[in-house]
């Protein structure tokens, strides 16, 4: 009996793609689940991440540089999470439930910085 072994042809572009994904993930210092500590519910976070990704797409931002789906362990369970760059985190927080004071404060701070005003 002869043993056969299948090896997938090596594609250099896959290695480069994997390296670039790793490189971008280094700059993703936030997790969407960090917003649980700020008072957002898992559903609010999920919705805000979804809107933030849509905004990134429509603005021409390369989504893979700012959002990376991951799994995180919380208490005794594993949840679907998202690593975020600084821009990604800001987009998520800006598009979260406006009834939370942290969201309103963040939006006002962004506008104050953009308009160069103080209140």
Protein backbone atom coordinates (compact mmCIF):
# COMPACT_ATOMS: atom_id res chain seq x y z
CA UNK A 1 0.00 0.00 0.00
CA UNK A 2 1.32 3.38 -0.98
CA UNK A 3 0.82 6.46 1.15
CA UNK A 4 -0.12 9.67 -0.60
CA UNK A 5 0.18 13.09 0.92
CA UNK A 6 -1.54 16.14 -0.49
CA UNK A 7 0.17 19.44 -0.07
CA UNK A 8 -1.50 22.64 -1.07
CA UNK A 9 0.58 24.69 -3.50
CA UNK A 10 2.35 27.53 -1.71
CA UNK A 11 1.02 30.94 -2.58
CA UNK A 12 3.33 33.78 -1.52
CA UNK A 13 0.45 36.26 -1.50
CA UNK A 14 -1.21 34.30 1.34
CA UNK A 15 1.89 34.76 3.48
CA UNK A 16 2.01 38.47 2.74
CA UNK A 17 -1.71 38.78 3.46
CA UNK A 18 -1.28 36.96 6.79
CA UNK A 19 1.70 39.14 7.72
CA UNK A 20 -0.20 42.35 6.92
CA UNK A 21 -3.17 41.13 8.96
CA UNK A 22 -0.85 40.53 11.90
CA UNK A 23 0.77 43.94 11.39
CA UNK A 24 -2.58 45.74 11.41
CA UNK A 25 -3.74 43.79 14.47
CA UNK A 26 -0.77 45.11 16.46
CA UNK A 27 -2.32 48.59 16.24
CA UNK A 28 -5.70 47.34 17.41
CA UNK A 29 -5.36 47.99 21.11
CA UNK A 30 -9.05 47.96 22.00
CA UNK A 31 -11.76 45.33 22.23
CA UNK A 32 -15.40 46.07 21.58
CA UNK A 33 -16.16 44.17 24.79
CA UNK A 34 -14.26 46.91 26.70
CA UNK A 35 -17.42 48.97 26.23
CA UNK A 36 -19.27 46.63 28.59
CA UNK A 37 -17.40 48.41 31.40
CA UNK A 38 -18.71 51.74 30.08
CA UNK A 39 -22.34 50.64 30.47
CA UNK A 40 -23.16 49.35 26.98
CA UNK A 41 -25.02 46.08 26.59
CA UNK A 42 -23.77 43.33 24.24
CA UNK A 43 -26.59 44.17 21.82
CA UNK A 44 -25.72 47.88 21.84
CA UNK A 45 -22.08 47.05 21.18
CA UNK A 46 -22.97 44.68 18.34
CA UNK A 47 -25.19 47.31 16.71
CA UNK A 48 -22.56 50.07 17.14
CA UNK A 49 -19.83 47.87 15.62
CA UNK A 50 -22.09 47.06 12.69
CA UNK A 51 -22.81 50.75 12.04
CA UNK A 52 -19.13 51.68 12.47
CA UNK A 53 -18.09 49.08 9.87
CA UNK A 54 -20.73 50.39 7.44
CA UNK A 55 -19.43 53.94 7.96
CA UNK A 56 -15.87 52.78 7.34
CA UNK A 57 -16.94 51.07 4.10
CA UNK A 58 -18.87 54.09 2.85
CA UNK A 59 -16.00 56.44 3.75
CA UNK A 60 -13.41 54.44 1.84
CA UNK A 61 -11.60 53.32 5.00
CA UNK A 62 -9.92 49.93 4.75
CA UNK A 63 -11.99 48.02 7.30
CA UNK A 64 -9.43 45.25 7.86
CA UNK A 65 -7.02 47.86 9.24
CA UNK A 66 -9.41 48.88 12.02
CA UNK A 67 -11.76 45.95 12.78
CA UNK A 68 -10.76 42.33 13.42
CA UNK A 69 -13.31 39.70 14.54
CA UNK A 70 -11.96 37.66 17.47
CA UNK A 71 -13.27 35.55 20.34
CA UNK A 72 -12.81 36.68 23.94
CA UNK A 73 -13.25 34.87 27.22
CA UNK A 74 -15.51 36.62 29.71
CA UNK A 75 -16.25 34.98 33.04
CA UNK A 76 -17.06 31.34 32.18
CA UNK A 77 -17.90 31.87 28.54
CA UNK A 78 -16.52 32.75 25.16
CA UNK A 79 -18.02 35.64 23.21
CA UNK A 80 -17.64 36.93 19.69
CA UNK A 81 -15.67 40.15 19.97
CA UNK A 82 -13.87 42.63 17.75
CA UNK A 83 -10.38 44.10 18.05
CA UNK A 84 -10.42 47.79 17.23
CA UNK A 85 -7.88 50.40 16.25
CA UNK A 86 -8.11 53.84 17.82
CA UNK A 87 -10.23 54.99 14.87
CA UNK A 88 -12.39 51.86 15.04
CA UNK A 89 -12.97 52.34 18.77
CA UNK A 90 -13.96 55.96 18.19
CA UNK A 91 -16.38 55.03 15.40
CA UNK A 92 -18.00 52.39 17.59
CA UNK A 93 -18.33 54.72 20.58
CA UNK A 94 -19.61 57.56 18.41
CA UNK A 95 -22.35 55.32 16.99
CA UNK A 96 -23.42 53.67 20.23
CA UNK A 97 -26.65 54.35 22.09
CA UNK A 98 -26.90 58.12 22.61
CA UNK A 99 -28.85 57.63 25.85
CA UNK A 100 -25.59 56.75 27.58
CA UNK A 101 -23.65 59.69 29.01
CA UNK A 102 -20.28 58.28 27.88
CA UNK A 103 -21.46 58.40 24.25
CA UNK A 104 -22.75 61.97 24.49
CA UNK A 105 -19.59 63.14 26.25
CA UNK A 106 -17.43 61.51 23.57
CA UNK A 107 -19.42 63.11 20.74
CA UNK A 108 -19.16 66.55 22.34
CA UNK A 109 -15.41 66.12 22.92
CA UNK A 110 -14.90 65.16 19.27
CA UNK A 111 -16.84 68.18 18.07
CA UNK A 112 -15.02 70.51 20.45
CA UNK A 113 -11.72 69.28 19.08
CA UNK A 114 -12.87 69.46 15.47
CA UNK A 115 -14.36 72.94 15.81
CA UNK A 116 -11.56 74.09 18.13
CA UNK A 117 -13.97 75.49 20.68
CA UNK A 118 -14.44 75.21 24.43
CA UNK A 119 -17.69 75.29 26.33
